[in-house]
Amino acid sequence: MSPEGAVALIQKALMLALLLSAPMLLFGLVAGLLISVLQAVTQVQEMTLTFIPKMVAIAAALFIFGQWIMVSMMTFTVDVFSLLPQALR
């Protein structure tokens, strides 16, 4: 495999990792913002209050986007394995 091919493969892997983690990060961000606004309005400053809603939001995002994540990872893995014979030359 040429250096350009290796760089392209690494770039594709990093972009896929960013793309696959985005739904969980966004759901956690939205949950955190909503809990922060709720805490500011009610003046309840409990640090542990944000933990459970964020965990539930991230689990919901994983449940919603789980199949898409698995298909994307499997497609990438098949692509990488299909490049192995070329890389071993």
PDB file of N, CA and C in Angstrom:
ATOM      1  N   MET A   1       0.844  -1.173   0.000  1.00  0.00           N
ATOM      2  CA  MET A   1       0.000   0.000   0.000  1.00  0.00           C
ATOM      3  C   MET A   1       0.888   1.234   0.000  1.00  0.00           C
ATOM      4  N   SER A   2       0.519   2.184  -0.808  1.00  0.00           N
ATOM      5  CA  SER A   2       1.305   3.409  -0.902  1.00  0.00           C
ATOM      6  C   SER A   2       1.038   4.299   0.314  1.00  0.00           C
ATOM      7  N   PRO A   3       1.944   5.197   0.600  1.00  0.00           N
ATOM      8  CA  PRO A   3       1.708   6.125   1.715  1.00  0.00           C
ATOM      9  C   PRO A   3       0.434   6.958   1.524  1.00  0.00           C
ATOM     10  N   GLU A   4       0.142   7.322   0.276  1.00  0.00           N
ATOM     11  CA  GLU A   4      -1.065   8.100   0.018  1.00  0.00           C
ATOM     12  C   GLU A   4      -2.316   7.282   0.331  1.00  0.00           C
ATOM     13  N   GLY A   5      -2.274   5.985  -0.005  1.00  0.00           N
ATOM     14  CA  GLY A   5      -3.402   5.100   0.301  1.00  0.00           C
ATOM     15  C   GLY A   5      -3.594   4.918   1.794  1.00  0.00           C
ATOM     16  N   ALA A   6      -2.473   4.806   2.526  1.00  0.00           N
ATOM     17  CA  ALA A   6      -2.550   4.660   3.979  1.00  0.00           C
ATOM     18  C   ALA A   6      -3.117   5.919   4.622  1.00  0.00           C
ATOM     19  N   VAL A   7      -2.682   7.077   4.145  1.00  0.00           N
ATOM     20  CA  VAL A   7      -3.190   8.345   4.679  1.00  0.00           C
ATOM     21  C   VAL A   7      -4.683   8.480   4.385  1.00  0.00           C
ATOM     22  N   ALA A   8      -5.087   8.086   3.182  1.00  0.00           N
ATOM     23  CA  ALA A   8      -6.509   8.158   2.824  1.00  0.00           C
ATOM     24  C   ALA A   8      -7.339   7.222   3.695  1.00  0.00           C
ATOM     25  N   LEU A   9      -6.807   6.042   3.990  1.00  0.00           N
ATOM     26  CA  LEU A   9      -7.516   5.090   4.839  1.00  0.00           C
ATOM     27  C   LEU A   9      -7.641   5.607   6.269  1.00  0.00           C
ATOM     28  N   ILE A  10      -6.581   6.179   6.790  1.00  0.00           N
ATOM     29  CA  ILE A  10      -6.617   6.758   8.135  1.00  0.00           C
ATOM     30  C   ILE A  10      -7.583   7.933   8.185  1.00  0.00           C
ATOM     31  N   GLN A  11      -7.571   8.760   7.146  1.00  0.00           N
ATOM     32  CA  GLN A  11      -8.489   9.894   7.095  1.00  0.00           C
ATOM     33  C   GLN A  11      -9.939   9.411   7.068  1.00  0.00           C
ATOM     34  N   LYS A  12     -10.192   8.360   6.298  1.00  0.00           N
ATOM     35  CA  LYS A  12     -11.551   7.816   6.233  1.00  0.00           C
ATOM     36  C   LYS A  12     -11.964   7.237   7.587  1.00  0.00           C
ATOM     37  N   ALA A  13     -11.041   6.573   8.280  1.00  0.00           N
ATOM     38  CA  ALA A  13     -11.337   5.996   9.591  1.00  0.00           C
ATOM     39  C   ALA A  13     -11.642   7.083  10.615  1.00  0.00           C
ATOM     40  N   LEU A  14     -10.869   8.151  10.611  1.00  0.00           N
ATOM     41  CA  LEU A  14     -11.116   9.248  11.556  1.00  0.00           C
ATOM     42  C   LEU A  14     -12.432   9.960  11.264  1.00  0.00           C
ATOM     43  N   MET A  15     -12.743  10.149   9.985  1.00  0.00           N
ATOM     44  CA  MET A  15     -14.007  10.786   9.626  1.00  0.00           C
ATOM     45  C   MET A  15     -15.189   9.910  10.031  1.00  0.00           C
ATOM     46  N   LEU A  16     -15.046   8.602   9.854  1.00  0.00           N
ATOM     47  CA  LEU A  16     -16.111   7.680  10.249  1.00  0.00           C
ATOM     48  C   LEU A  16     -16.302   7.694  11.764  1.00  0.00           C
ATOM     49  N   ALA A  17     -15.211   7.724  12.520  1.00  0.00           N
ATOM     50  CA  ALA A  17     -15.305   7.782  13.981  1.00  0.00           C
ATOM     51  C   ALA A  17     -16.014   9.056  14.430  1.00  0.00           C
ATOM     52  N   LEU A  18     -15.694  10.167  13.804  1.00  0.00           N
ATOM     53  CA  LEU A  18     -16.353  11.427  14.133  1.00  0.00           C
ATOM     54  C   LEU A  18     -17.833  11.373  13.790  1.00  0.00           C
ATOM     55  N   LEU A  19     -18.148  10.836  12.636  1.00  0.00           N
ATOM     56  CA  LEU A  19     -19.529  10.747  12.188  1.00  0.00           C
ATOM     57  C   LEU A  19     -20.351   9.812  13.068  1.00  0.00           C
ATOM     58  N   LEU A  20     -19.768   8.699  13.493  1.00  0.00           N
ATOM     59  CA  LEU A  20     -20.507   7.734  14.303  1.00  0.00           C
ATOM     60  C   LEU A  20     -20.689   8.189  15.746  1.00  0.00           C
ATOM     61  N   SER A  21     -19.802   9.008  16.243  1.00  0.00           N
ATOM     62  CA  SER A  21     -19.940   9.487  17.619  1.00  0.00           C
ATOM     63  C   SER A  21     -20.816  10.731  17.728  1.00  0.00           C
ATOM     64  N   ALA A  22     -21.082  11.388  16.611  1.00  0.00           N
ATOM     65  CA  ALA A  22     -21.833  12.644  16.633  1.00  0.00           C
ATOM     66  C   ALA A  22     -23.236  12.525  17.232  1.00  0.00           C
ATOM     67  N   PRO A  23     -24.042  11.515  16.900  1.00  0.00           N
ATOM     68  CA  PRO A  23     -25.386  11.467  17.495  1.00  0.00           C
ATOM     69  C   PRO A  23     -25.373  11.375  19.017  1.00  0.00           C
ATOM     70  N   MET A  24     -24.494  10.542  19.582  1.00  0.00           N
ATOM     71  CA  MET A  24     -24.443  10.424  21.035  1.00  0.00           C
ATOM     72  C   MET A  24     -23.971  11.722  21.678  1.00  0.00           C
ATOM     73  N   LEU A  25     -22.982  12.352  21.053  1.00  0.00           N
ATOM     74  CA  LEU A  25     -22.487  13.621  21.600  1.00  0.00           C
ATOM     75  C   LEU A  25     -23.555  14.710  21.544  1.00  0.00           C
ATOM     76  N   LEU A  26     -24.288  14.767  20.441  1.00  0.00           N
ATOM     77  CA  LEU A  26     -25.330  15.793  20.319  1.00  0.00           C
ATOM     78  C   LEU A  26     -26.481  15.549  21.283  1.00  0.00           C
ATOM     79  N   PHE A  27     -26.901  14.300  21.445  1.00  0.00           N
ATOM     80  CA  PHE A  27     -27.970  14.002  22.399  1.00  0.00           C
ATOM     81  C   PHE A  27     -27.528  14.348  23.819  1.00  0.00           C
ATOM     82  N   GLY A  28     -26.290  14.022  24.179  1.00  0.00           N
ATOM     83  CA  GLY A  28     -25.768  14.373  25.492  1.00  0.00           C
ATOM     84  C   GLY A  28     -25.673  15.871  25.683  1.00  0.00           C
ATOM     85  N   LEU A  29     -25.277  16.586  24.636  1.00  0.00           N
ATOM     86  CA  LEU A  29     -25.191  18.040  24.701  1.00  0.00           C
ATOM     87  C   LEU A  29     -26.553  18.674  24.926  1.00  0.00           C
ATOM     88  N   VAL A  30     -27.551  18.215  24.175  1.00  0.00           N
ATOM     89  CA  VAL A  30     -28.899  18.769  24.318  1.00  0.00           C
ATOM     90  C   VAL A  30     -29.460  18.461  25.704  1.00  0.00           C
ATOM     91  N   ALA A  31     -29.264  17.244  26.175  1.00  0.00           N
ATOM     92  CA  ALA A  31     -29.743  16.891  27.516  1.00  0.00           C
ATOM     93  C   ALA A  31     -29.057  17.746  28.573  1.00  0.00           C
ATOM     94  N   GLY A  32     -27.758  17.949  28.447  1.00  0.00           N
ATOM     95  CA  GLY A  32     -27.047  18.795  29.403  1.00  0.00           C
ATOM     96  C   GLY A  32     -27.519  20.231  29.397  1.00  0.00           C
ATOM     97  N   LEU A  33     -27.770  20.764  28.194  1.00  0.00           N
ATOM     98  CA  LEU A  33     -28.269  22.134  28.115  1.00  0.00           C
ATOM     99  C   LEU A  33     -29.657  22.273  28.734  1.00  0.00           C
ATOM    100  N   LEU A  34     -30.527  21.313  28.461  1.00  0.00           N
ATOM    101  CA  LEU A  34     -31.873  21.373  29.031  1.00  0.00           C
ATOM    102  C   LEU A  34     -31.847  21.270  30.553  1.00  0.00           C
ATOM    103  N   ILE A  35     -31.026  20.390  31.082  1.00  0.00           N
ATOM    104  CA  ILE A  35     -30.911  20.264  32.532  1.00  0.00           C
ATOM    105  C   ILE A  35     -30.293  21.518  33.135  1.00  0.00           C
ATOM    106  N   SER A  36     -29.330  22.113  32.454  1.00  0.00           N
ATOM    107  CA  SER A  36     -28.722  23.353  32.950  1.00  0.00           C
ATOM    108  C   SER A  36     -29.727  24.488  33.001  1.00  0.00           C
ATOM    109  N   VAL A  37     -30.554  24.604  31.963  1.00  0.00           N
ATOM    110  CA  VAL A  37     -31.602  25.642  31.967  1.00  0.00           C
ATOM    111  C   VAL A  37     -32.588  25.371  33.088  1.00  0.00           C
ATOM    112  N   LEU A  38     -32.976  24.106  33.268  1.00  0.00           N
ATOM    113  CA  LEU A  38     -33.902  23.751  34.346  1.00  0.00           C
ATOM    114  C   LEU A  38     -33.305  24.080  35.707  1.00  0.00           C
ATOM    115  N   GLN A  39     -32.027  23.810  35.887  1.00  0.00           N
ATOM    116  CA  GLN A  39     -31.370  24.143  37.151  1.00  0.00           C
ATOM    117  C   GLN A  39     -31.283  25.646  37.365  1.00  0.00           C
ATOM    118  N   ALA A  40     -31.046  26.389  36.297  1.00  0.00           N
ATOM    119  CA  ALA A  40     -30.963  27.843  36.435  1.00  0.00           C
ATOM    120  C   ALA A  40     -32.321  28.438  36.776  1.00  0.00           C
ATOM    121  N   VAL A  41     -33.377  27.896  36.191  1.00  0.00           N
ATOM    122  CA  VAL A  41     -34.727  28.416  36.444  1.00  0.00           C
ATOM    123  C   VAL A  41     -35.169  28.089  37.863  1.00  0.00           C
ATOM    124  N   THR A  42     -34.915  26.865  38.303  1.00  0.00           N
ATOM    125  CA  THR A  42     -35.382  26.452  39.630  1.00  0.00           C
ATOM    126  C   THR A  42     -34.362  26.728  40.730  1.00  0.00           C
ATOM    127  N   GLN A  43     -33.183  27.158  40.382  1.00  0.00           N
ATOM    128  CA  GLN A  43     -32.089  27.436  41.308  1.00  0.00           C
ATOM    129  C   GLN A  43     -31.713  26.220  42.148  1.00  0.00           C
ATOM    130  N   VAL A  44     -31.858  25.038  41.557  1.00  0.00           N
ATOM    131  CA  VAL A  44     -31.401  23.801  42.187  1.00  0.00           C
ATOM    132  C   VAL A  44     -30.026  23.505  41.615  1.00  0.00           C
ATOM    133  N   GLN A  45     -28.999  23.578  42.425  1.00  0.00           N
ATOM    134  CA  GLN A  45     -27.635  23.397  41.946  1.00  0.00           C
ATOM    135  C   GLN A  45     -27.078  22.053  42.417  1.00  0.00           C
ATOM    136  N   GLU A  46     -27.718  20.992  41.998  1.00  0.00           N
ATOM    137  CA  GLU A  46     -27.272  19.641  42.337  1.00  0.00           C
ATOM    138  C   GLU A  46     -26.414  19.096  41.203  1.00  0.00           C
ATOM    139  N   MET A  47     -25.176  18.740  41.482  1.00  0.00           N
ATOM    140  CA  MET A  47     -24.245  18.297  40.443  1.00  0.00           C
ATOM    141  C   MET A  47     -24.635  16.930  39.870  1.00  0.00           C
ATOM    142  N   THR A  48     -25.209  16.072  40.692  1.00  0.00           N
ATOM    143  CA  THR A  48     -25.539  14.731  40.223  1.00  0.00           C
ATOM    144  C   THR A  48     -26.818  14.698  39.389  1.00  0.00           C
ATOM    145  N   LEU A  49     -27.558  15.768  39.347  1.00  0.00           N
ATOM    146  CA  LEU A  49     -28.817  15.811  38.602  1.00  0.00           C
ATOM    147  C   LEU A  49     -28.599  15.694  37.103  1.00  0.00           C
ATOM    148  N   THR A  50     -27.474  16.130  36.599  1.00  0.00           N
ATOM    149  CA  THR A  50     -27.230  16.103  35.153  1.00  0.00           C
ATOM    150  C   THR A  50     -26.768  14.741  34.656  1.00  0.00           C
ATOM    151  N   PHE A  51     -26.283  13.903  35.544  1.00  0.00           N
ATOM    152  CA  PHE A  51     -25.664  12.651  35.116  1.00  0.00           C
ATOM    153  C   PHE A  51     -26.671  11.658  34.527  1.00  0.00           C
ATOM    154  N   ILE A  52     -27.759  11.397  35.224  1.00  0.00           N
ATOM    155  CA  ILE A  52     -28.732  10.389  34.783  1.00  0.00           C
ATOM    156  C   ILE A  52     -29.429  10.801  33.485  1.00  0.00           C
ATOM    157  N   PRO A  53     -29.920  12.041  33.334  1.00  0.00           N
ATOM    158  CA  PRO A  53     -30.548  12.402  32.048  1.00  0.00           C
ATOM    159  C   PRO A  53     -29.593  12.309  30.859  1.00  0.00           C
ATOM    160  N   LYS A  54     -28.324  12.641  31.072  1.00  0.00           N
ATOM    161  CA  LYS A  54     -27.350  12.506  29.987  1.00  0.00           C
ATOM    162  C   LYS A  54     -27.154  11.045  29.619  1.00  0.00           C
ATOM    163  N   MET A  55     -27.082  10.178  30.599  1.00  0.00           N
ATOM    164  CA  MET A  55     -26.929   8.749  30.332  1.00  0.00           C
ATOM    165  C   MET A  55     -28.141   8.206  29.578  1.00  0.00           C
ATOM    166  N   VAL A  56     -29.327   8.633  29.964  1.00  0.00           N
ATOM    167  CA  VAL A  56     -30.545   8.186  29.282  1.00  0.00           C
ATOM    168  C   VAL A  56     -30.570   8.716  27.851  1.00  0.00           C
ATOM    169  N   ALA A  57     -30.177   9.961  27.651  1.00  0.00           N
ATOM    170  CA  ALA A  57     -30.164  10.541  26.303  1.00  0.00           C
ATOM    171  C   ALA A  57     -29.160   9.825  25.408  1.00  0.00           C
ATOM    172  N   ILE A  58     -27.995   9.509  25.945  1.00  0.00           N
ATOM    173  CA  ILE A  58     -26.987   8.812  25.153  1.00  0.00           C
ATOM    174  C   ILE A  58     -27.437   7.392  24.839  1.00  0.00           C
ATOM    175  N   ALA A  59     -28.086   6.730  25.800  1.00  0.00           N
ATOM    176  CA  ALA A  59     -28.617   5.390  25.539  1.00  0.00           C
ATOM    177  C   ALA A  59     -29.715   5.441  24.480  1.00  0.00           C
ATOM    178  N   ALA A  60     -30.555   6.476  24.521  1.00  0.00           N
ATOM    179  CA  ALA A  60     -31.608   6.634  23.504  1.00  0.00           C
ATOM    180  C   ALA A  60     -30.994   6.858  22.123  1.00  0.00           C
ATOM    181  N   ALA A  61     -29.953   7.669  22.056  1.00  0.00           N
ATOM    182  CA  ALA A  61     -29.288   7.911  20.775  1.00  0.00           C
ATOM    183  C   ALA A  61     -28.658   6.624  20.252  1.00  0.00           C
ATOM    184  N   LEU A  62     -28.068   5.846  21.133  1.00  0.00           N
ATOM    185  CA  LEU A  62     -27.476   4.579  20.722  1.00  0.00           C
ATOM    186  C   LEU A  62     -28.550   3.611  20.241  1.00  0.00           C
ATOM    187  N   PHE A  63     -29.700   3.620  20.901  1.00  0.00           N
ATOM    188  CA  PHE A  63     -30.805   2.761  20.476  1.00  0.00           C
ATOM    189  C   PHE A  63     -31.347   3.199  19.114  1.00  0.00           C
ATOM    190  N   ILE A  64     -31.470   4.496  18.911  1.00  0.00           N
ATOM    191  CA  ILE A  64     -32.026   5.024  17.652  1.00  0.00           C
ATOM    192  C   ILE A  64     -31.051   4.818  16.495  1.00  0.00           C
ATOM    193  N   PHE A  65     -29.779   5.128  16.717  1.00  0.00           N
ATOM    194  CA  PHE A  65     -28.792   5.107  15.643  1.00  0.00           C
ATOM    195  C   PHE A  65     -27.927   3.845  15.632  1.00  0.00           C
ATOM    196  N   GLY A  66     -28.211   2.876  16.482  1.00  0.00           N
ATOM    197  CA  GLY A  66     -27.379   1.693  16.602  1.00  0.00           C
ATOM    198  C   GLY A  66     -27.244   0.894  15.320  1.00  0.00           C
ATOM    199  N   GLN A  67     -28.346   0.685  14.627  1.00  0.00           N
ATOM    200  CA  GLN A  67     -28.290  -0.099  13.397  1.00  0.00           C
ATOM    201  C   GLN A  67     -27.452   0.614  12.336  1.00  0.00           C
ATOM    202  N   TRP A  68     -27.638   1.912  12.190  1.00  0.00           N
ATOM    203  CA  TRP A  68     -26.857   2.683  11.216  1.00  0.00           C
ATOM    204  C   TRP A  68     -25.363   2.640  11.568  1.00  0.00           C
ATOM    205  N   ILE A  69     -25.052   2.718  12.850  1.00  0.00           N
ATOM    206  CA  ILE A  69     -23.664   2.667  13.284  1.00  0.00           C
ATOM    207  C   ILE A  69     -23.047   1.313  12.933  1.00  0.00           C
ATOM    208  N   MET A  70     -23.768   0.240  13.211  1.00  0.00           N
ATOM    209  CA  MET A  70     -23.249  -1.096  12.913  1.00  0.00           C
ATOM    210  C   MET A  70     -23.054  -1.309  11.418  1.00  0.00           C
ATOM    211  N   VAL A  71     -24.012  -0.858  10.607  1.00  0.00           N
ATOM    212  CA  VAL A  71     -23.884  -1.011   9.155  1.00  0.00           C
ATOM    213  C   VAL A  71     -22.689  -0.217   8.645  1.00  0.00           C
ATOM    214  N   SER A  72     -22.503   0.990   9.150  1.00  0.00           N
ATOM    215  CA  SER A  72     -21.363   1.809   8.722  1.00  0.00           C
ATOM    216  C   SER A  72     -20.036   1.167   9.115  1.00  0.00           C
ATOM    217  N   MET A  73     -19.956   0.643  10.325  1.00  0.00           N
ATOM    218  CA  MET A  73     -18.724  -0.005  10.772  1.00  0.00           C
ATOM    219  C   MET A  73     -18.448  -1.277   9.984  1.00  0.00           C
ATOM    220  N   MET A  74     -19.485  -2.053   9.695  1.00  0.00           N
ATOM    221  CA  MET A  74     -19.291  -3.280   8.922  1.00  0.00           C
ATOM    222  C   MET A  74     -18.860  -2.967   7.496  1.00  0.00           C
ATOM    223  N   THR A  75     -19.436  -1.936   6.907  1.00  0.00           N
ATOM    224  CA  THR A  75     -19.045  -1.537   5.555  1.00  0.00           C
ATOM    225  C   THR A  75     -17.581  -1.107   5.516  1.00  0.00           C
ATOM    226  N   PHE A  76     -17.173  -0.321   6.490  1.00  0.00           N
ATOM    227  CA  PHE A  76     -15.778   0.117   6.554  1.00  0.00           C
ATOM    228  C   PHE A  76     -14.842  -1.074   6.744  1.00  0.00           C
ATOM    229  N   THR A  77     -15.222  -2.006   7.618  1.00  0.00           N
ATOM    230  CA  THR A  77     -14.391  -3.173   7.867  1.00  0.00           C
ATOM    231  C   THR A  77     -14.240  -4.028   6.612  1.00  0.00           C
ATOM    232  N   VAL A  78     -15.331  -4.227   5.882  1.00  0.00           N
ATOM    233  CA  VAL A  78     -15.262  -4.993   4.632  1.00  0.00           C
ATOM    234  C   VAL A  78     -14.372  -4.279   3.629  1.00  0.00           C
ATOM    235  N   ASP A  79     -14.469  -2.954   3.556  1.00  0.00           N
ATOM    236  CA  ASP A  79     -13.602  -2.187   2.656  1.00  0.00           C
ATOM    237  C   ASP A  79     -12.129  -2.356   3.017  1.00  0.00           C
ATOM    238  N   VAL A  80     -11.828  -2.307   4.314  1.00  0.00           N
ATOM    239  CA  VAL A  80     -10.431  -2.462   4.751  1.00  0.00           C
ATOM    240  C   VAL A  80      -9.928  -3.861   4.434  1.00  0.00           C
ATOM    241  N   PHE A  81     -10.737  -4.884   4.696  1.00  0.00           N
ATOM    242  CA  PHE A  81     -10.309  -6.253   4.407  1.00  0.00           C
ATOM    243  C   PHE A  81     -10.168  -6.496   2.910  1.00  0.00           C
ATOM    244  N   SER A  82     -10.945  -5.796   2.108  1.00  0.00           N
ATOM    245  CA  SER A  82     -10.803  -5.961   0.666  1.00  0.00           C
ATOM    246  C   SER A  82      -9.499  -5.313   0.154  1.00  0.00           C
ATOM    247  N   LEU A  83      -8.965  -4.367   0.901  1.00  0.00           N
ATOM    248  CA  LEU A  83      -7.694  -3.739   0.527  1.00  0.00           C
ATOM    249  C   LEU A  83      -6.472  -4.529   0.987  1.00  0.00           C
ATOM    250  N   LEU A  84      -6.653  -5.532   1.839  1.00  0.00           N
ATOM    251  CA  LEU A  84      -5.521  -6.288   2.364  1.00  0.00           C
ATOM    252  C   LEU A  84      -4.699  -6.981   1.276  1.00  0.00           C
ATOM    253  N   PRO A  85      -5.300  -7.648   0.309  1.00  0.00           N
ATOM    254  CA  PRO A  85      -4.445  -8.280  -0.711  1.00  0.00           C
ATOM    255  C   PRO A  85      -3.558  -7.283  -1.455  1.00  0.00           C
ATOM    256  N   GLN A  86      -4.063  -6.076  -1.699  1.00  0.00           N
ATOM    257  CA  GLN A  86      -3.252  -5.060  -2.350  1.00  0.00           C
ATOM    258  C   GLN A  86      -2.137  -4.572  -1.453  1.00  0.00           C
ATOM    259  N   ALA A  87      -2.404  -4.496  -0.147  1.00  0.00           N
ATOM    260  CA  ALA A  87      -1.411  -3.987   0.784  1.00  0.00           C
ATOM    261  C   ALA A  87      -0.279  -4.983   1.009  1.00  0.00           C
ATOM    262  N   LEU A  88      -0.547  -6.266   0.824  1.00  0.00           N
ATOM    263  CA  LEU A  88       0.477  -7.282   1.070  1.00  0.00           C
ATOM    264  C   LEU A  88       1.421  -7.475  -0.098  1.00  0.00           C
ATOM    265  N   ARG A  89       1.156  -6.830  -1.211  1.00  0.00           N
ATOM    266  CA  ARG A  89       2.032  -6.974  -2.384  1.00  0.00           C
ATOM    267  C   ARG A  89       3.304  -6.194  -2.221  1.00  0.00           C
TER     268      ARG A  89
END
